[in-house]
């Protein structure tokens, strides 16, 4: 019987590497603007500052409560300022203890919250802009109203929305890339 015998050839093992030097499962660095980064903290602070500015300017007028769109703007920027301030505190904590906020549940919460607040802020700013144009250009009763204050508050709400949009998009992108 001529049966073949298996030949054993030695195989070299791959070189050992230090686990601390090349940890497995390393993701790319956090992009500026993502939760737990300095850019994310700056975006949150910008959202908060512009939402509070819109609230302060709108609340300084005496007749904003007579228009539903302006009341909606006040409610939306109050929600935006609370949300942005609370996430700014979370970002400060993450930066101080050097923690990464890449947990799926945390990113889901941030993404949903940013999506809701950005939608509400944008809708309120658009509604207020429409009423401001109606008062100023179509009815020509700016002299009787606080058109400059309404326009300033609306602009601050739009700027707050512009600061929320990158946060939402980065969170959504990070969540979708998991």
Protein backbone atom coordinates (compact mmCIF):
# COMPACT_ATOMS: atom_id res chain seq x y z
CA UNK A 1 0.00 0.00 0.00
CA UNK A 2 1.34 3.27 -1.12
CA UNK A 3 -0.54 5.80 0.92
CA UNK A 4 0.71 9.28 1.21
CA UNK A 5 1.85 10.51 4.47
CA UNK A 6 1.12 14.04 5.50
CA UNK A 7 4.15 16.21 5.58
CA UNK A 8 4.47 18.56 8.46
CA UNK A 9 6.03 21.88 7.61
CA UNK A 10 6.72 24.35 10.36
CA UNK A 11 4.83 27.61 10.05
CA UNK A 12 6.25 30.71 11.60
CA UNK A 13 4.01 32.46 14.08
CA UNK A 14 3.32 36.13 13.46
CA UNK A 15 5.47 38.43 15.54
CA UNK A 16 4.05 39.29 18.92
CA UNK A 17 2.93 42.87 19.31
CA UNK A 18 2.22 44.84 22.38
CA UNK A 19 -1.55 45.02 23.02
CA UNK A 20 -1.28 48.53 24.38
CA UNK A 21 0.56 49.65 21.27
CA UNK A 22 -1.96 48.25 18.78
CA UNK A 23 -5.29 47.66 20.55
CA UNK A 24 -7.89 45.75 18.59
CA UNK A 25 -11.05 47.47 17.43
CA UNK A 26 -9.65 50.98 17.45
CA UNK A 27 -11.96 53.42 15.72
CA UNK A 28 -10.98 56.57 13.98
CA UNK A 29 -10.50 59.65 16.07
CA UNK A 30 -13.51 61.65 17.09
CA UNK A 31 -14.28 64.42 14.66
CA UNK A 32 -14.46 67.93 16.05
CA UNK A 33 -18.07 68.61 16.89
CA UNK A 34 -18.92 65.13 18.09
CA UNK A 35 -20.11 64.62 21.68
CA UNK A 36 -17.32 64.66 24.23
CA UNK A 37 -14.96 66.79 22.15
CA UNK A 38 -14.01 70.44 22.45
CA UNK A 39 -15.68 71.18 19.13
CA UNK A 40 -18.86 69.53 20.40
CA UNK A 41 -18.72 71.66 23.53
CA UNK A 42 -18.28 74.82 21.44
CA UNK A 43 -21.27 73.88 19.28
CA UNK A 44 -23.39 73.26 22.39
CA UNK A 45 -22.37 76.58 23.90
CA UNK A 46 -23.15 78.38 20.63
CA UNK A 47 -26.57 76.72 20.52
CA UNK A 48 -27.23 77.75 24.09
CA UNK A 49 -26.02 81.35 23.70
CA UNK A 50 -28.04 82.05 20.55
CA UNK A 51 -31.17 80.35 21.91
CA UNK A 52 -30.96 82.41 25.10
CA UNK A 53 -30.35 85.56 23.03
CA UNK A 54 -33.45 84.83 20.95
CA UNK A 55 -35.44 84.24 24.12
CA UNK A 56 -34.19 87.41 25.79
CA UNK A 57 -34.87 89.60 22.76
CA UNK A 58 -38.35 88.16 22.21
CA UNK A 59 -39.24 88.35 25.89
CA UNK A 60 -38.13 91.99 26.02
CA UNK A 61 -41.04 92.95 23.78
CA UNK A 62 -44.39 93.45 25.38
CA UNK A 63 -46.61 92.16 22.59
CA UNK A 64 -44.98 88.90 21.50
CA UNK A 65 -47.69 86.91 23.27
CA UNK A 66 -50.33 88.26 20.89
CA UNK A 67 -48.88 86.24 17.97
CA UNK A 68 -48.90 82.44 18.13
CA UNK A 69 -45.74 82.07 16.02
CA UNK A 70 -43.78 84.22 18.45
CA UNK A 71 -45.07 82.18 21.40
CA UNK A 72 -43.98 79.06 19.54
CA UNK A 73 -40.54 80.60 19.01
CA UNK A 74 -40.22 81.32 22.72
CA UNK A 75 -41.22 77.75 23.61
CA UNK A 76 -38.84 76.26 21.04
CA UNK A 77 -35.82 78.30 22.14
CA UNK A 78 -36.55 77.53 25.79
CA UNK A 79 -36.45 73.83 24.94
CA UNK A 80 -33.34 74.34 22.80
CA UNK A 81 -31.52 76.23 25.54
CA UNK A 82 -32.33 73.59 28.19
CA UNK A 83 -31.24 70.76 25.86
CA UNK A 84 -28.03 72.50 24.78
CA UNK A 85 -27.09 73.48 28.33
CA UNK A 86 -27.61 69.96 29.66
CA UNK A 87 -25.52 68.44 26.86
CA UNK A 88 -22.84 71.08 27.37
CA UNK A 89 -22.58 69.88 30.98
CA UNK A 90 -22.26 66.29 29.74
CA UNK A 91 -19.54 67.38 27.29
CA UNK A 92 -17.66 69.22 30.05
CA UNK A 93 -17.83 66.12 32.24
CA UNK A 94 -16.61 63.89 29.38
CA UNK A 95 -13.71 66.24 28.70
CA UNK A 96 -12.72 66.46 32.37
CA UNK A 97 -12.70 62.70 32.95
CA UNK A 98 -11.45 61.99 29.39
CA UNK A 99 -14.35 59.72 28.52
CA UNK A 100 -15.55 58.91 25.04
CA UNK A 101 -19.25 59.35 24.36
CA UNK A 102 -19.46 56.76 21.58
CA UNK A 103 -21.93 54.47 23.35
CA UNK A 104 -24.82 53.52 21.05
CA UNK A 105 -27.49 54.42 23.58
CA UNK A 106 -25.96 57.78 24.35
CA UNK A 107 -25.54 58.58 20.65
CA UNK A 108 -29.14 57.54 20.01
CA UNK A 109 -30.36 59.86 22.76
CA UNK A 110 -28.23 62.75 21.49
CA UNK A 111 -29.31 62.17 17.89
CA UNK A 112 -33.03 62.00 18.68
CA UNK A 113 -32.84 65.02 20.99
CA UNK A 114 -30.89 67.08 18.49
CA UNK A 115 -33.27 66.07 15.70
CA UNK A 116 -36.34 67.09 17.69
CA UNK A 117 -34.95 70.37 18.99
CA UNK A 118 -33.47 71.36 15.64
CA UNK A 119 -36.78 70.67 13.88
CA UNK A 120 -38.73 72.66 16.45
CA UNK A 121 -36.28 75.57 16.39
CA UNK A 122 -36.21 75.69 12.59
CA UNK A 123 -40.01 75.54 12.33
CA UNK A 124 -40.42 78.26 14.96
CA UNK A 125 -37.83 80.49 13.27
CA UNK A 126 -39.52 80.03 9.89
CA UNK A 127 -42.95 80.81 11.32
CA UNK A 128 -41.61 83.90 13.08
CA UNK A 129 -39.84 85.04 9.93
CA UNK A 130 -43.09 84.73 8.01
CA UNK A 131 -44.98 86.82 10.57
CA UNK A 132 -42.18 89.37 10.68
CA UNK A 133 -42.31 89.74 6.88
CA UNK A 134 -46.09 90.03 7.07
CA UNK A 135 -45.92 92.77 9.69
CA UNK A 136 -43.05 94.67 8.09
CA UNK A 137 -43.52 94.38 4.35
CA UNK A 138 -47.13 93.45 3.71
CA UNK A 139 -49.06 95.32 6.40
CA UNK A 140 -46.56 98.17 6.86
CA UNK A 141 -47.27 98.42 10.59
CA UNK A 142 -43.68 98.21 11.82
CA UNK A 143 -43.98 101.58 13.50
CA UNK A 144 -46.62 100.18 15.86
CA UNK A 145 -44.75 96.93 16.55
CA UNK A 146 -41.27 95.86 17.60
CA UNK A 147 -40.13 94.72 14.16
CA UNK A 148 -36.42 95.09 14.91
CA UNK A 149 -36.76 92.96 18.02
CA UNK A 150 -38.81 90.33 16.19
CA UNK A 151 -36.28 90.20 13.36
CA UNK A 152 -33.36 89.95 15.79
CA UNK A 153 -34.99 87.14 17.77
CA UNK A 154 -35.78 85.29 14.55
CA UNK A 155 -32.20 85.68 13.34
CA UNK A 156 -30.85 84.39 16.66
CA UNK A 157 -33.15 81.36 16.41
CA UNK A 158 -31.87 80.64 12.90
CA UNK A 159 -28.26 80.92 14.08
CA UNK A 160 -29.06 78.55 16.95
CA UNK A 161 -30.50 76.13 14.41
CA UNK A 162 -27.34 76.47 12.29
CA UNK A 163 -25.32 75.45 15.36
CA UNK A 164 -27.61 72.46 16.10
CA UNK A 165 -27.46 71.07 12.57
CA UNK A 166 -23.78 69.98 12.64
CA UNK A 167 -24.32 68.32 16.02
CA UNK A 168 -27.30 66.39 14.70
CA UNK A 169 -25.56 65.39 11.47
CA UNK A 170 -22.37 64.25 13.21
CA UNK A 171 -24.31 62.26 15.79
CA UNK A 172 -26.50 60.70 13.12
CA UNK A 173 -23.50 59.85 10.95
CA UNK A 174 -21.63 58.32 13.90
CA UNK A 175 -24.70 56.31 14.87
CA UNK A 176 -25.30 55.13 11.31
CA UNK A 177 -21.66 54.09 10.81
CA UNK A 178 -21.79 51.58 13.67
